[in-house]
């Protein structure tokens, strides 16, 4: 009878305290579950975000977590892993340009059309900074244009992370969070003190509805939008999924619609449904079958 060898070497490590096989399992799970494609050098990111789950689920190491999450069942663990890997820090009025484009070009064009209602989608909204920033821009636009005939603006904000959505719905932030893009003037105008923190004022929150959505899933239940903000999220997906998301967003845009992407993002090479529209205030994308302004 052969004696079992209890001193086999561990699987080769890729760094970050996880073996190459464990990292492969986790990357496979994340791409299958939510479309995120991790490169070959994100082991330490995985370790820093997932290690805290080990004690909670009674797992000895990240390799054990990878085996369980990539197997059947374990729905709570799967949800927590996706949540941990998709919750990202974000900024108020991030990059500035898209909000100037909204203020100076998109909202005036929509006002000219005398639409009774205007729908804006903030995709992958994280902890709420983008949709609340959009709502503040709308408020500023109305204040600068007394008697404006801009229709009722409603903002749908979606994200895959339950943790991020819970914070976004609460709309309460600490000083450090406000320091990432909020000036004292904006703070005093659109936030109010609450137990040592800062809460978004009710009139800004009232425009925003938060919903859970995996961008791999159908957008049909969301309806049509005049404007879609999908910024700094496509970079995490495979080329095939990027194209699929962009095509479905083209279908979700009312005519003529405005798609606003991140400064380093473009539909080129992923979808042939769009054309670029340059204005002196910035760039947006419009489905080719939509008329010009």
C-alpha atoms as a PDB file:
ATOM      1  CA  UNK A   1       0.000   0.000   0.000  1.00  0.00           C
ATOM      2  CA  UNK A   2       1.445   3.311  -1.009  1.00  0.00           C
ATOM      3  CA  UNK A   3       1.826   5.890   1.701  1.00  0.00           C
ATOM      4  CA  UNK A   4       0.158   9.239   0.954  1.00  0.00           C
ATOM      5  CA  UNK A   5       2.615  12.086   0.503  1.00  0.00           C
ATOM      6  CA  UNK A   6       1.563  14.851   2.895  1.00  0.00           C
ATOM      7  CA  UNK A   7       4.426  17.118   1.923  1.00  0.00           C
ATOM      8  CA  UNK A   8       3.483  18.037  -1.614  1.00  0.00           C
ATOM      9  CA  UNK A   9       4.624  21.518  -2.616  1.00  0.00           C
ATOM     10  CA  UNK A  10       1.871  24.162  -2.734  1.00  0.00           C
ATOM     11  CA  UNK A  11       0.616  25.365  -6.118  1.00  0.00           C
ATOM     12  CA  UNK A  12       2.807  28.085  -7.594  1.00  0.00           C
ATOM     13  CA  UNK A  13       1.812  31.508  -6.310  1.00  0.00           C
ATOM     14  CA  UNK A  14       1.071  34.493  -8.498  1.00  0.00           C
ATOM     15  CA  UNK A  15       1.569  36.881  -5.587  1.00  0.00           C
ATOM     16  CA  UNK A  16      -0.969  38.382  -3.235  1.00  0.00           C
ATOM     17  CA  UNK A  17      -1.318  35.128  -1.279  1.00  0.00           C
ATOM     18  CA  UNK A  18      -3.212  33.193  -3.962  1.00  0.00           C
ATOM     19  CA  UNK A  19      -2.015  30.423  -6.260  1.00  0.00           C
ATOM     20  CA  UNK A  20      -2.086  30.646 -10.035  1.00  0.00           C
ATOM     21  CA  UNK A  21      -4.954  28.135 -10.117  1.00  0.00           C
ATOM     22  CA  UNK A  22      -6.890  30.062  -7.447  1.00  0.00           C
ATOM     23  CA  UNK A  23      -6.443  33.309  -9.350  1.00  0.00           C
ATOM     24  CA  UNK A  24      -7.599  31.619 -12.560  1.00  0.00           C
ATOM     25  CA  UNK A  25     -10.747  30.383 -10.808  1.00  0.00           C
ATOM     26  CA  UNK A  26     -11.544  33.826  -9.434  1.00  0.00           C
ATOM     27  CA  UNK A  27     -11.009  35.611 -12.729  1.00  0.00           C
ATOM     28  CA  UNK A  28     -13.193  33.017 -14.485  1.00  0.00           C
ATOM     29  CA  UNK A  29     -15.939  33.511 -11.891  1.00  0.00           C
ATOM     30  CA  UNK A  30     -15.872  37.311 -12.135  1.00  0.00           C
ATOM     31  CA  UNK A  31     -16.011  37.352 -15.927  1.00  0.00           C
ATOM     32  CA  UNK A  32     -18.869  34.844 -15.963  1.00  0.00           C
ATOM     33  CA  UNK A  33     -20.800  36.582 -13.182  1.00  0.00           C
ATOM     34  CA  UNK A  34     -20.464  40.267 -14.032  1.00  0.00           C
ATOM     35  CA  UNK A  35     -18.227  40.645 -17.080  1.00  0.00           C
ATOM     36  CA  UNK A  36     -15.176  42.011 -15.270  1.00  0.00           C
ATOM     37  CA  UNK A  37     -11.924  40.944 -16.908  1.00  0.00           C
ATOM     38  CA  UNK A  38      -8.915  41.015 -14.591  1.00  0.00           C
ATOM     39  CA  UNK A  39      -5.455  41.049 -16.101  1.00  0.00           C
ATOM     40  CA  UNK A  40      -2.510  38.922 -15.104  1.00  0.00           C
ATOM     41  CA  UNK A  41      -1.240  41.381 -12.511  1.00  0.00           C
ATOM     42  CA  UNK A  42      -4.217  42.059 -10.214  1.00  0.00           C
ATOM     43  CA  UNK A  43      -3.447  39.449  -7.546  1.00  0.00           C
ATOM     44  CA  UNK A  44      -2.796  42.016  -4.837  1.00  0.00           C
ATOM     45  CA  UNK A  45      -6.047  43.806  -5.654  1.00  0.00           C
ATOM     46  CA  UNK A  46      -7.883  40.494  -5.276  1.00  0.00           C
ATOM     47  CA  UNK A  47      -6.113  39.789  -2.005  1.00  0.00           C
ATOM     48  CA  UNK A  48      -6.777  43.220  -0.491  1.00  0.00           C
ATOM     49  CA  UNK A  49     -10.474  43.129  -1.346  1.00  0.00           C
ATOM     50  CA  UNK A  50     -11.309  39.500  -0.582  1.00  0.00           C
ATOM     51  CA  UNK A  51      -9.113  38.581   2.378  1.00  0.00           C
ATOM     52  CA  UNK A  52     -11.582  40.070   4.849  1.00  0.00           C
ATOM     53  CA  UNK A  53     -14.183  37.522   3.690  1.00  0.00           C
ATOM     54  CA  UNK A  54     -12.100  34.546   4.866  1.00  0.00           C
ATOM     55  CA  UNK A  55     -13.012  34.811   8.541  1.00  0.00           C
ATOM     56  CA  UNK A  56     -16.631  35.640   7.789  1.00  0.00           C
ATOM     57  CA  UNK A  57     -17.075  32.449   5.754  1.00  0.00           C
ATOM     58  CA  UNK A  58     -14.706  30.253   7.785  1.00  0.00           C
ATOM     59  CA  UNK A  59     -12.230  29.762   4.942  1.00  0.00           C
ATOM     60  CA  UNK A  60      -8.516  29.145   5.535  1.00  0.00           C
ATOM     61  CA  UNK A  61      -7.138  31.021   2.517  1.00  0.00           C
ATOM     62  CA  UNK A  62      -7.928  32.646  -0.815  1.00  0.00           C
ATOM     63  CA  UNK A  63      -7.492  29.387  -2.719  1.00  0.00           C
ATOM     64  CA  UNK A  64     -10.286  27.827  -0.651  1.00  0.00           C
ATOM     65  CA  UNK A  65     -12.452  30.880  -1.361  1.00  0.00           C
ATOM     66  CA  UNK A  66     -11.721  30.562  -5.084  1.00  0.00           C
ATOM     67  CA  UNK A  67     -12.726  26.889  -5.114  1.00  0.00           C
ATOM     68  CA  UNK A  68     -16.011  27.563  -3.341  1.00  0.00           C
ATOM     69  CA  UNK A  69     -17.022  30.653  -5.284  1.00  0.00           C
ATOM     70  CA  UNK A  70     -16.396  28.939  -8.625  1.00  0.00           C
ATOM     71  CA  UNK A  71     -18.462  25.894  -7.622  1.00  0.00           C
ATOM     72  CA  UNK A  72     -22.200  25.226  -7.234  1.00  0.00           C
ATOM     73  CA  UNK A  73     -24.315  26.939  -4.583  1.00  0.00           C
ATOM     74  CA  UNK A  74     -22.665  29.433  -2.213  1.00  0.00           C
ATOM     75  CA  UNK A  75     -24.920  32.253  -3.384  1.00  0.00           C
ATOM     76  CA  UNK A  76     -24.138  34.481  -0.412  1.00  0.00           C
ATOM     77  CA  UNK A  77     -20.391  34.087  -0.960  1.00  0.00           C
ATOM     78  CA  UNK A  78     -20.759  34.757  -4.696  1.00  0.00           C
ATOM     79  CA  UNK A  79     -22.692  37.949  -3.979  1.00  0.00           C
ATOM     80  CA  UNK A  80     -20.129  39.151  -1.451  1.00  0.00           C
ATOM     81  CA  UNK A  81     -17.207  38.503  -3.796  1.00  0.00           C
ATOM     82  CA  UNK A  82     -18.855  40.430  -6.633  1.00  0.00           C
ATOM     83  CA  UNK A  83     -19.736  43.202  -4.199  1.00  0.00           C
ATOM     84  CA  UNK A  84     -16.161  43.460  -2.915  1.00  0.00           C
ATOM     85  CA  UNK A  85     -14.640  43.465  -6.397  1.00  0.00           C
ATOM     86  CA  UNK A  86     -17.024  46.023  -7.934  1.00  0.00           C
ATOM     87  CA  UNK A  87     -17.235  48.676  -5.211  1.00  0.00           C
ATOM     88  CA  UNK A  88     -14.967  51.503  -6.347  1.00  0.00           C
ATOM     89  CA  UNK A  89     -14.160  54.953  -5.040  1.00  0.00           C
ATOM     90  CA  UNK A  90     -15.467  57.731  -7.192  1.00  0.00           C
ATOM     91  CA  UNK A  91     -15.474  61.522  -7.272  1.00  0.00           C
ATOM     92  CA  UNK A  92     -17.987  64.338  -7.374  1.00  0.00           C
ATOM     93  CA  UNK A  93     -18.120  66.054 -10.791  1.00  0.00           C
ATOM     94  CA  UNK A  94     -15.418  63.655 -11.978  1.00  0.00           C
ATOM     95  CA  UNK A  95     -13.343  65.073 -14.870  1.00  0.00           C
ATOM     96  CA  UNK A  96     -15.541  68.172 -15.062  1.00  0.00           C
ATOM     97  CA  UNK A  97     -16.014  68.096 -18.835  1.00  0.00           C
ATOM     98  CA  UNK A  98     -19.083  65.826 -19.018  1.00  0.00           C
ATOM     99  CA  UNK A  99     -20.927  68.055 -16.541  1.00  0.00           C
ATOM    100  CA  UNK A 100     -20.078  71.190 -18.519  1.00  0.00           C
ATOM    101  CA  UNK A 101     -21.326  69.376 -21.638  1.00  0.00           C
ATOM    102  CA  UNK A 102     -24.576  68.562 -19.817  1.00  0.00           C
ATOM    103  CA  UNK A 103     -24.962  72.124 -18.525  1.00  0.00           C
ATOM    104  CA  UNK A 104     -24.006  74.044 -21.652  1.00  0.00           C
ATOM    105  CA  UNK A 105     -25.104  71.809 -24.537  1.00  0.00           C
ATOM    106  CA  UNK A 106     -27.320  68.846 -23.681  1.00  0.00           C
ATOM    107  CA  UNK A 107     -29.814  70.497 -21.316  1.00  0.00           C
ATOM    108  CA  UNK A 108     -30.318  73.551 -23.605  1.00  0.00           C
ATOM    109  CA  UNK A 109     -30.908  71.248 -26.587  1.00  0.00           C
ATOM    110  CA  UNK A 110     -33.395  69.163 -24.616  1.00  0.00           C
ATOM    111  CA  UNK A 111     -35.182  72.295 -23.436  1.00  0.00           C
ATOM    112  CA  UNK A 112     -35.634  73.410 -27.069  1.00  0.00           C
ATOM    113  CA  UNK A 113     -37.455  70.166 -27.762  1.00  0.00           C
ATOM    114  CA  UNK A 114     -40.094  70.982 -25.125  1.00  0.00           C
ATOM    115  CA  UNK A 115     -40.068  67.445 -23.762  1.00  0.00           C
ATOM    116  CA  UNK A 116     -42.433  67.069 -20.794  1.00  0.00           C
ATOM    117  CA  UNK A 117     -40.065  64.589 -19.145  1.00  0.00           C
ATOM    118  CA  UNK A 118     -36.331  63.927 -19.521  1.00  0.00           C
ATOM    119  CA  UNK A 119     -34.747  60.658 -18.404  1.00  0.00           C
ATOM    120  CA  UNK A 120     -31.031  60.342 -17.653  1.00  0.00           C
ATOM    121  CA  UNK A 121     -29.309  57.053 -16.844  1.00  0.00           C
ATOM    122  CA  UNK A 122     -26.189  56.938 -14.675  1.00  0.00           C
ATOM    123  CA  UNK A 123     -24.811  53.436 -15.335  1.00  0.00           C
ATOM    124  CA  UNK A 124     -22.437  51.902 -12.758  1.00  0.00           C
ATOM    125  CA  UNK A 125     -23.192  54.737 -10.335  1.00  0.00           C
ATOM    126  CA  UNK A 126     -21.157  53.281  -7.439  1.00  0.00           C
ATOM    127  CA  UNK A 127     -21.861  55.174  -4.187  1.00  0.00           C
ATOM    128  CA  UNK A 128     -23.950  57.875  -5.840  1.00  0.00           C
ATOM    129  CA  UNK A 129     -21.550  60.716  -6.621  1.00  0.00           C
ATOM    130  CA  UNK A 130     -22.292  60.755 -10.368  1.00  0.00           C
ATOM    131  CA  UNK A 131     -26.124  60.805 -10.273  1.00  0.00           C
ATOM    132  CA  UNK A 132     -26.185  63.353  -7.460  1.00  0.00           C
ATOM    133  CA  UNK A 133     -23.678  65.490  -9.387  1.00  0.00           C
ATOM    134  CA  UNK A 134     -25.997  65.299 -12.408  1.00  0.00           C
ATOM    135  CA  UNK A 135     -28.943  66.338 -10.242  1.00  0.00           C
ATOM    136  CA  UNK A 136     -26.952  69.319  -8.938  1.00  0.00           C
ATOM    137  CA  UNK A 137     -26.118  70.356 -12.514  1.00  0.00           C
ATOM    138  CA  UNK A 138     -29.836  70.268 -13.345  1.00  0.00           C
ATOM    139  CA  UNK A 139     -30.532  72.406 -10.271  1.00  0.00           C
ATOM    140  CA  UNK A 140     -27.824  74.885 -11.312  1.00  0.00           C
ATOM    141  CA  UNK A 141     -29.223  75.043 -14.846  1.00  0.00           C
ATOM    142  CA  UNK A 142     -32.701  75.881 -13.590  1.00  0.00           C
ATOM    143  CA  UNK A 143     -31.323  78.512 -11.214  1.00  0.00           C
ATOM    144  CA  UNK A 144     -29.380  80.175 -14.048  1.00  0.00           C
ATOM    145  CA  UNK A 145     -32.379  80.127 -16.382  1.00  0.00           C
ATOM    146  CA  UNK A 146     -35.393  81.491 -14.497  1.00  0.00           C
ATOM    147  CA  UNK A 147     -38.575  80.559 -16.291  1.00  0.00           C
ATOM    148  CA  UNK A 148     -36.851  77.616 -17.957  1.00  0.00           C
ATOM    149  CA  UNK A 149     -39.153  75.238 -19.805  1.00  0.00           C
ATOM    150  CA  UNK A 150     -36.868  72.271 -19.208  1.00  0.00           C
ATOM    151  CA  UNK A 151     -39.041  69.224 -18.658  1.00  0.00           C
ATOM    152  CA  UNK A 152     -39.160  67.223 -15.450  1.00  0.00           C
ATOM    153  CA  UNK A 153     -35.750  65.534 -15.138  1.00  0.00           C
ATOM    154  CA  UNK A 154     -35.566  62.051 -13.651  1.00  0.00           C
ATOM    155  CA  UNK A 155     -32.289  60.199 -13.093  1.00  0.00           C
ATOM    156  CA  UNK A 156     -32.071  56.416 -12.945  1.00  0.00           C
ATOM    157  CA  UNK A 157     -28.854  55.271 -11.265  1.00  0.00           C
ATOM    158  CA  UNK A 158     -27.817  51.619 -11.423  1.00  0.00           C
ATOM    159  CA  UNK A 159     -25.038  49.483 -10.010  1.00  0.00           C
ATOM    160  CA  UNK A 160     -24.330  45.810  -9.379  1.00  0.00           C
ATOM    161  CA  UNK A 161     -23.058  46.334  -5.812  1.00  0.00           C
ATOM    162  CA  UNK A 162     -25.628  46.195  -2.968  1.00  0.00           C
ATOM    163  CA  UNK A 163     -23.163  47.892  -0.631  1.00  0.00           C
ATOM    164  CA  UNK A 164     -22.561  50.799  -3.015  1.00  0.00           C
ATOM    165  CA  UNK A 165     -26.288  51.189  -3.686  1.00  0.00           C
ATOM    166  CA  UNK A 166     -27.104  51.249   0.029  1.00  0.00           C
ATOM    167  CA  UNK A 167     -24.710  54.145   0.578  1.00  0.00           C
ATOM    168  CA  UNK A 168     -25.943  55.896  -2.554  1.00  0.00           C
ATOM    169  CA  UNK A 169     -29.585  55.659  -1.445  1.00  0.00           C
ATOM    170  CA  UNK A 170     -28.685  57.026   1.981  1.00  0.00           C
ATOM    171  CA  UNK A 171     -26.928  59.980   0.357  1.00  0.00           C
ATOM    172  CA  UNK A 172     -24.812  60.657   3.448  1.00  0.00           C
ATOM    173  CA  UNK A 173     -21.054  61.240   3.178  1.00  0.00           C
ATOM    174  CA  UNK A 174     -18.141  62.178   5.414  1.00  0.00           C
ATOM    175  CA  UNK A 175     -15.794  65.118   5.010  1.00  0.00           C
ATOM    176  CA  UNK A 176     -13.207  62.995   3.198  1.00  0.00           C
ATOM    177  CA  UNK A 177     -15.751  61.912   0.576  1.00  0.00           C
ATOM    178  CA  UNK A 178     -16.941  65.483   0.038  1.00  0.00           C
ATOM    179  CA  UNK A 179     -13.334  66.589  -0.294  1.00  0.00           C
ATOM    180  CA  UNK A 180     -13.131  64.628  -3.555  1.00  0.00           C
ATOM    181  CA  UNK A 181     -14.715  67.230  -5.789  1.00  0.00           C
ATOM    182  CA  UNK A 182     -17.164  69.277  -3.682  1.00  0.00           C
ATOM    183  CA  UNK A 183     -16.307  72.931  -3.098  1.00  0.00           C
ATOM    184  CA  UNK A 184     -17.462  74.664   0.094  1.00  0.00           C
ATOM    185  CA  UNK A 185     -19.981  76.608  -2.012  1.00  0.00           C
ATOM    186  CA  UNK A 186     -21.522  73.428  -3.450  1.00  0.00           C
ATOM    187  CA  UNK A 187     -21.473  71.779  -0.027  1.00  0.00           C
ATOM    188  CA  UNK A 188     -23.372  74.614   1.611  1.00  0.00           C
ATOM    189  CA  UNK A 189     -25.867  74.788  -1.247  1.00  0.00           C
ATOM    190  CA  UNK A 190     -26.686  71.120  -1.780  1.00  0.00           C
ATOM    191  CA  UNK A 191     -25.788  69.297   1.455  1.00  0.00           C
ATOM    192  CA  UNK A 192     -26.947  69.595   5.034  1.00  0.00           C
ATOM    193  CA  UNK A 193     -25.194  68.548   8.276  1.00  0.00           C
ATOM    194  CA  UNK A 194     -26.350  65.247   9.762  1.00  0.00           C
ATOM    195  CA  UNK A 195     -24.734  63.710  12.849  1.00  0.00           C
ATOM    196  CA  UNK A 196     -21.255  64.919  11.948  1.00  0.00           C
ATOM    197  CA  UNK A 197     -21.682  63.914   8.301  1.00  0.00           C
ATOM    198  CA  UNK A 198     -23.154  65.599   5.229  1.00  0.00           C
ATOM    199  CA  UNK A 199     -26.477  64.549   3.679  1.00  0.00           C
ATOM    200  CA  UNK A 200     -27.583  65.370   0.136  1.00  0.00           C
ATOM    201  CA  UNK A 201     -30.518  67.765   0.349  1.00  0.00           C
ATOM    202  CA  UNK A 202     -33.970  66.291  -0.363  1.00  0.00           C
ATOM    203  CA  UNK A 203     -34.597  68.258  -3.570  1.00  0.00           C
ATOM    204  CA  UNK A 204     -31.387  66.813  -5.085  1.00  0.00           C
ATOM    205  CA  UNK A 205     -32.179  63.266  -3.921  1.00  0.00           C
ATOM    206  CA  UNK A 206     -35.755  63.455  -5.182  1.00  0.00           C
ATOM    207  CA  UNK A 207     -34.670  63.341  -8.830  1.00  0.00           C
ATOM    208  CA  UNK A 208     -32.673  60.127  -8.422  1.00  0.00           C
ATOM    209  CA  UNK A 209     -33.937  56.545  -8.314  1.00  0.00           C
ATOM    210  CA  UNK A 210     -31.421  53.798  -7.538  1.00  0.00           C
ATOM    211  CA  UNK A 211     -31.748  50.270  -8.928  1.00  0.00           C
ATOM    212  CA  UNK A 212     -29.632  47.112  -8.900  1.00  0.00           C
ATOM    213  CA  UNK A 213     -28.494  46.126 -12.393  1.00  0.00           C
ATOM    214  CA  UNK A 214     -25.805  43.900 -13.849  1.00  0.00           C
ATOM    215  CA  UNK A 215     -24.773  45.456 -17.170  1.00  0.00           C
ATOM    216  CA  UNK A 216     -24.654  41.956 -18.649  1.00  0.00           C
ATOM    217  CA  UNK A 217     -28.434  41.748 -18.188  1.00  0.00           C
ATOM    218  CA  UNK A 218     -31.286  43.192 -20.250  1.00  0.00           C
ATOM    219  CA  UNK A 219     -31.967  46.922 -20.079  1.00  0.00           C
ATOM    220  CA  UNK A 220     -35.592  46.521 -21.206  1.00  0.00           C
ATOM    221  CA  UNK A 221     -37.130  47.238 -17.799  1.00  0.00           C
ATOM    222  CA  UNK A 222     -35.374  50.613 -17.641  1.00  0.00           C
ATOM    223  CA  UNK A 223     -37.231  52.104 -20.610  1.00  0.00           C
ATOM    224  CA  UNK A 224     -35.829  54.815 -22.882  1.00  0.00           C
ATOM    225  CA  UNK A 225     -33.465  57.650 -21.991  1.00  0.00           C
ATOM    226  CA  UNK A 226     -32.514  60.949 -23.563  1.00  0.00           C
ATOM    227  CA  UNK A 227     -29.065  60.810 -21.936  1.00  0.00           C
ATOM    228  CA  UNK A 228     -26.865  57.924 -20.770  1.00  0.00           C
ATOM    229  CA  UNK A 229     -23.741  58.441 -18.660  1.00  0.00           C
ATOM    230  CA  UNK A 230     -21.614  55.290 -18.863  1.00  0.00           C
ATOM    231  CA  UNK A 231     -18.225  56.498 -17.734  1.00  0.00           C
ATOM    232  CA  UNK A 232     -15.063  54.631 -16.752  1.00  0.00           C
ATOM    233  CA  UNK A 233     -16.729  51.220 -16.578  1.00  0.00           C
ATOM    234  CA  UNK A 234     -16.390  49.718 -20.076  1.00  0.00           C
ATOM    235  CA  UNK A 235     -12.629  49.447 -19.517  1.00  0.00           C
ATOM    236  CA  UNK A 236     -13.247  46.511 -17.163  1.00  0.00           C
ATOM    237  CA  UNK A 237     -15.049  44.355 -19.753  1.00  0.00           C
ATOM    238  CA  UNK A 238     -14.041  42.099 -22.613  1.00  0.00           C
ATOM    239  CA  UNK A 239     -14.285  43.528 -26.162  1.00  0.00           C
ATOM    240  CA  UNK A 240     -17.309  41.311 -26.847  1.00  0.00           C
ATOM    241  CA  UNK A 241     -19.180  42.507 -23.761  1.00  0.00           C
ATOM    242  CA  UNK A 242     -18.263  46.135 -24.461  1.00  0.00           C
ATOM    243  CA  UNK A 243     -19.849  45.842 -27.892  1.00  0.00           C
ATOM    244  CA  UNK A 244     -22.938  44.135 -26.500  1.00  0.00           C
ATOM    245  CA  UNK A 245     -23.441  46.812 -23.830  1.00  0.00           C
ATOM    246  CA  UNK A 246     -22.938  49.648 -26.311  1.00  0.00           C
ATOM    247  CA  UNK A 247     -25.398  48.109 -28.787  1.00  0.00           C
ATOM    248  CA  UNK A 248     -28.041  47.696 -26.104  1.00  0.00           C
ATOM    249  CA  UNK A 249     -27.469  51.255 -24.909  1.00  0.00           C
ATOM    250  CA  UNK A 250     -28.061  52.459 -28.470  1.00  0.00           C
ATOM    251  CA  UNK A 251     -31.424  50.707 -28.304  1.00  0.00           C
ATOM    252  CA  UNK A 252     -32.131  52.337 -24.910  1.00  0.00           C
ATOM    253  CA  UNK A 253     -31.559  55.875 -26.214  1.00  0.00           C
ATOM    254  CA  UNK A 254     -34.598  57.852 -27.287  1.00  0.00           C
ATOM    255  CA  UNK A 255     -34.045  59.752 -30.529  1.00  0.00           C
ATOM    256  CA  UNK A 256     -31.999  61.890 -30.636  1.00  0.00           C
ATOM    257  CA  UNK A 257     -30.006  60.656 -27.670  1.00  0.00           C
ATOM    258  CA  UNK A 258     -26.725  61.456 -25.986  1.00  0.00           C
ATOM    259  CA  UNK A 259     -24.229  58.829 -24.794  1.00  0.00           C
ATOM    260  CA  UNK A 260     -21.478  60.237 -22.560  1.00  0.00           C
ATOM    261  CA  UNK A 261     -18.438  58.006 -22.018  1.00  0.00           C
ATOM    262  CA  UNK A 262     -15.237  58.368 -20.001  1.00  0.00           C
ATOM    263  CA  UNK A 263     -12.469  60.514 -21.419  1.00  0.00           C
ATOM    264  CA  UNK A 264     -10.423  57.453 -22.475  1.00  0.00           C
ATOM    265  CA  UNK A 265     -13.391  55.455 -23.792  1.00  0.00           C
ATOM    266  CA  UNK A 266     -14.855  55.232 -27.290  1.00  0.00           C
ATOM    267  CA  UNK A 267     -17.284  52.925 -29.122  1.00  0.00           C
ATOM    268  CA  UNK A 268     -14.689  52.449 -31.893  1.00  0.00           C
ATOM    269  CA  UNK A 269     -13.720  48.802 -32.464  1.00  0.00           C
ATOM    270  CA  UNK A 270     -16.608  47.584 -30.274  1.00  0.00           C
ATOM    271  CA  UNK A 271     -19.821  48.865 -31.891  1.00  0.00           C
ATOM    272  CA  UNK A 272     -20.603  50.388 -35.285  1.00  0.00           C
ATOM    273  CA  UNK A 273     -23.874  51.881 -34.041  1.00  0.00           C
ATOM    274  CA  UNK A 274     -22.514  55.312 -33.080  1.00  0.00           C
ATOM    275  CA  UNK A 275     -21.028  58.464 -34.484  1.00  0.00           C
ATOM    276  CA  UNK A 276     -19.047  61.022 -32.509  1.00  0.00           C
ATOM    277  CA  UNK A 277     -20.501  64.508 -32.062  1.00  0.00           C
ATOM    278  CA  UNK A 278     -18.022  67.236 -31.167  1.00  0.00           C
ATOM    279  CA  UNK A 279     -19.194  70.459 -29.562  1.00  0.00           C
ATOM    280  CA  UNK A 280     -17.239  73.343 -28.054  1.00  0.00           C
ATOM    281  CA  UNK A 281     -18.296  71.990 -24.675  1.00  0.00           C
ATOM    282  CA  UNK A 282     -17.190  68.398 -25.204  1.00  0.00           C
ATOM    283  CA  UNK A 283     -17.815  65.125 -27.016  1.00  0.00           C
ATOM    284  CA  UNK A 284     -20.747  62.741 -26.917  1.00  0.00           C
ATOM    285  CA  UNK A 285     -21.910  59.812 -29.048  1.00  0.00           C
ATOM    286  CA  UNK A 286     -25.180  59.392 -30.897  1.00  0.00           C
ATOM    287  CA  UNK A 287     -26.624  56.323 -32.612  1.00  0.00           C
ATOM    288  CA  UNK A 288     -26.180  56.648 -36.358  1.00  0.00           C
ATOM    289  CA  UNK A 289     -29.895  56.278 -37.003  1.00  0.00           C
ATOM    290  CA  UNK A 290     -30.714  59.316 -34.805  1.00  0.00           C
ATOM    291  CA  UNK A 291     -30.990  62.775 -36.427  1.00  0.00           C
ATOM    292  CA  UNK A 292     -28.646  65.623 -35.526  1.00  0.00           C
ATOM    293  CA  UNK A 293     -29.707  68.392 -33.168  1.00  0.00           C
END
